[in-house]
Amino acid sequence: MASRFLVAKLQVEALKGCASLKSLRKVADTLPSGLNAIYAHAMRRIEAQGAEKAMLAKLALLWVSQALRPLRVDEVQDALATHYEQGTFQFGSYDGDDIPPSNFIVSICCGLLEIERQDGPQESTPDSMRYFRLIRE
């Protein structure tokens, strides 16, 4: 039952980018219906955003999905502002000017991440009290 709601949520997220009724119909006609196909579709939408946004989205998804505990919004933002040399074991360099806004992170993850408070979603809660949640079955 929960997977049907997840499929519907991810399908609605895919339709948000439509600028006209015609494009909405075109996208709606091509949306996949199975959960794995929906995830693949979301990943294609992430890839289509361009290299920088796609890399940032994949890193956010990686951090949140592999964490041993829920990550606060500010922790994910700091992780994304730390740059590493690919293929090395050197420490990364942190750039405080490169912290992406939380709503930008959610947007580029195309519905696969959302922000919630531990006891439920609330917009007025500071980032240090809100957590990223990976959307999964």
Protein backbone atom coordinates (compact mmCIF):
# COMPACT_ATOMS: atom_id res chain seq x y z
CA MET A 1 0.00 0.00 0.00
CA ALA A 2 2.76 2.47 0.97
CA SER A 3 4.58 1.88 -2.32
CA ARG A 4 1.49 3.05 -4.26
CA PHE A 5 1.59 6.37 -2.40
CA LEU A 6 5.31 6.64 -3.04
CA VAL A 7 4.80 6.01 -6.76
CA ALA A 8 2.10 8.70 -6.83
CA LYS A 9 4.31 11.18 -4.94
CA LEU A 10 7.25 10.65 -7.29
CA GLN A 11 4.98 10.91 -10.34
CA VAL A 12 3.59 14.23 -9.09
CA GLU A 13 7.16 15.41 -8.53
CA ALA A 14 7.97 14.54 -12.16
CA LEU A 15 5.00 16.61 -13.33
CA LYS A 16 6.03 19.72 -11.37
CA GLY A 17 8.52 20.72 -14.04
CA CYS A 18 5.90 21.00 -16.79
CA ALA A 19 5.37 24.53 -18.09
CA SER A 20 2.19 23.95 -20.10
CA LEU A 21 -0.82 21.68 -20.35
CA LYS A 22 0.65 20.09 -23.49
CA SER A 23 3.94 19.23 -21.78
CA LEU A 24 2.03 17.98 -18.73
CA ARG A 25 0.05 15.56 -20.90
CA LYS A 26 3.18 14.42 -22.72
CA VAL A 27 5.04 13.71 -19.47
CA ALA A 28 1.98 12.06 -17.88
CA ASP A 29 1.65 9.72 -20.88
CA THR A 30 5.27 8.59 -20.54
CA LEU A 31 5.52 8.20 -16.75
CA PRO A 32 6.46 4.71 -15.60
CA SER A 33 4.21 2.98 -13.08
CA GLY A 34 6.49 0.58 -11.17
CA LEU A 35 8.58 1.76 -8.24
CA ASN A 36 11.95 0.75 -9.75
CA ALA A 37 11.04 2.45 -13.02
CA ILE A 38 9.99 5.58 -11.09
CA TYR A 39 13.37 5.67 -9.30
CA ALA A 40 15.16 5.26 -12.64
CA HIS A 41 13.04 8.07 -14.09
CA ALA A 42 13.95 10.35 -11.16
CA MET A 43 17.64 9.56 -11.67
CA ARG A 44 17.34 10.44 -15.39
CA ARG A 45 15.75 13.76 -14.38
CA ILE A 46 18.63 14.36 -11.98
CA GLU A 47 21.15 13.63 -14.76
CA ALA A 48 19.32 15.97 -17.15
CA GLN A 49 19.89 18.98 -14.86
CA GLY A 50 23.51 19.35 -15.92
CA ALA A 51 26.76 18.07 -14.47
CA GLU A 52 27.06 20.36 -11.44
CA LYS A 53 23.50 19.91 -10.17
CA ALA A 54 23.53 16.17 -10.93
CA MET A 55 26.76 15.68 -8.98
CA LEU A 56 25.45 17.69 -6.03
CA ALA A 57 22.16 15.75 -6.02
CA LYS A 58 23.95 12.40 -6.16
CA LEU A 59 26.27 13.42 -3.33
CA ALA A 60 23.29 14.51 -1.21
CA LEU A 61 21.55 11.19 -1.89
CA LEU A 62 24.76 9.32 -1.11
CA TRP A 63 25.30 11.12 2.19
CA VAL A 64 21.71 10.66 3.35
CA SER A 65 21.32 7.05 2.18
CA GLN A 66 24.62 5.82 3.66
CA ALA A 67 24.49 7.65 7.00
CA LEU A 68 24.17 5.52 10.11
CA ARG A 69 21.74 8.05 11.59
CA PRO A 70 19.46 10.77 10.23
CA LEU A 71 21.54 13.74 9.06
CA ARG A 72 20.54 17.25 10.01
CA VAL A 73 20.06 19.71 7.18
CA ASP A 74 23.12 21.73 8.20
CA GLU A 75 25.26 18.56 8.27
CA VAL A 76 24.33 17.68 4.69
CA GLN A 77 24.90 21.27 3.60
CA ASP A 78 28.38 21.23 5.19
CA ALA A 79 29.16 17.85 3.60
CA LEU A 80 28.21 19.23 0.18
CA ALA A 81 30.42 22.28 0.75
CA THR A 82 33.42 20.01 1.33
CA HIS A 83 35.31 19.19 -1.85
CA TYR A 84 37.45 16.10 -2.35
CA GLU A 85 39.92 15.08 -4.99
CA GLN A 86 38.34 12.06 -6.69
CA GLY A 87 40.38 8.88 -6.44
CA THR A 88 42.49 10.04 -3.46
CA PHE A 89 42.36 9.58 0.27
CA GLN A 90 43.28 13.21 0.99
CA PHE A 91 41.17 15.30 3.33
CA GLY A 92 38.66 17.51 1.59
CA SER A 93 38.64 21.28 1.72
CA TYR A 94 35.63 23.04 3.20
CA ASP A 95 34.31 26.20 1.56
CA GLY A 96 31.67 28.01 3.63
CA ASP A 97 30.77 30.10 0.58
CA ASP A 98 29.75 26.92 -1.25
CA ILE A 99 26.92 25.83 1.07
CA PRO A 100 23.82 25.07 -1.01
CA PRO A 101 20.42 26.19 0.35
CA SER A 102 18.29 23.35 1.72
CA ASN A 103 15.40 24.03 -0.69
CA PHE A 104 17.88 23.84 -3.60
CA ILE A 105 19.11 20.42 -2.40
CA VAL A 106 15.54 19.13 -2.20
CA SER A 107 14.75 20.54 -5.64
CA ILE A 108 17.73 18.99 -7.45
CA CYS A 109 17.02 15.58 -5.89
CA CYS A 110 13.76 15.43 -7.89
CA GLY A 111 11.54 14.13 -5.12
CA LEU A 112 13.96 11.55 -3.68
CA LEU A 113 14.81 13.66 -0.60
CA GLU A 114 12.66 15.67 1.72
CA ILE A 115 13.18 17.62 4.92
CA GLU A 116 11.39 16.73 8.12
CA ARG A 117 11.56 17.44 11.80
CA GLN A 118 12.09 14.37 13.99
CA ASP A 119 8.54 14.68 15.27
CA GLY A 120 7.02 15.70 11.91
CA PRO A 121 7.50 18.25 9.13
CA GLN A 122 7.67 21.94 10.06
CA GLU A 123 8.92 24.77 7.88
CA SER A 124 9.65 27.25 10.69
CA THR A 125 12.10 24.93 12.45
CA PRO A 126 15.80 25.92 12.20
CA ASP A 127 18.04 23.74 9.98
CA SER A 128 19.88 22.44 13.05
CA MET A 129 16.63 20.76 14.16
CA ARG A 130 15.47 19.45 10.76
CA TYR A 131 16.62 16.30 9.01
CA PHE A 132 16.86 15.07 5.45
CA ARG A 133 14.86 11.92 4.76
CA LEU A 134 15.40 9.65 1.79
CA ILE A 135 12.16 8.72 0.07
CA ARG A 136 11.93 4.95 -0.05
CA GLU A 137 9.40 2.17 0.08
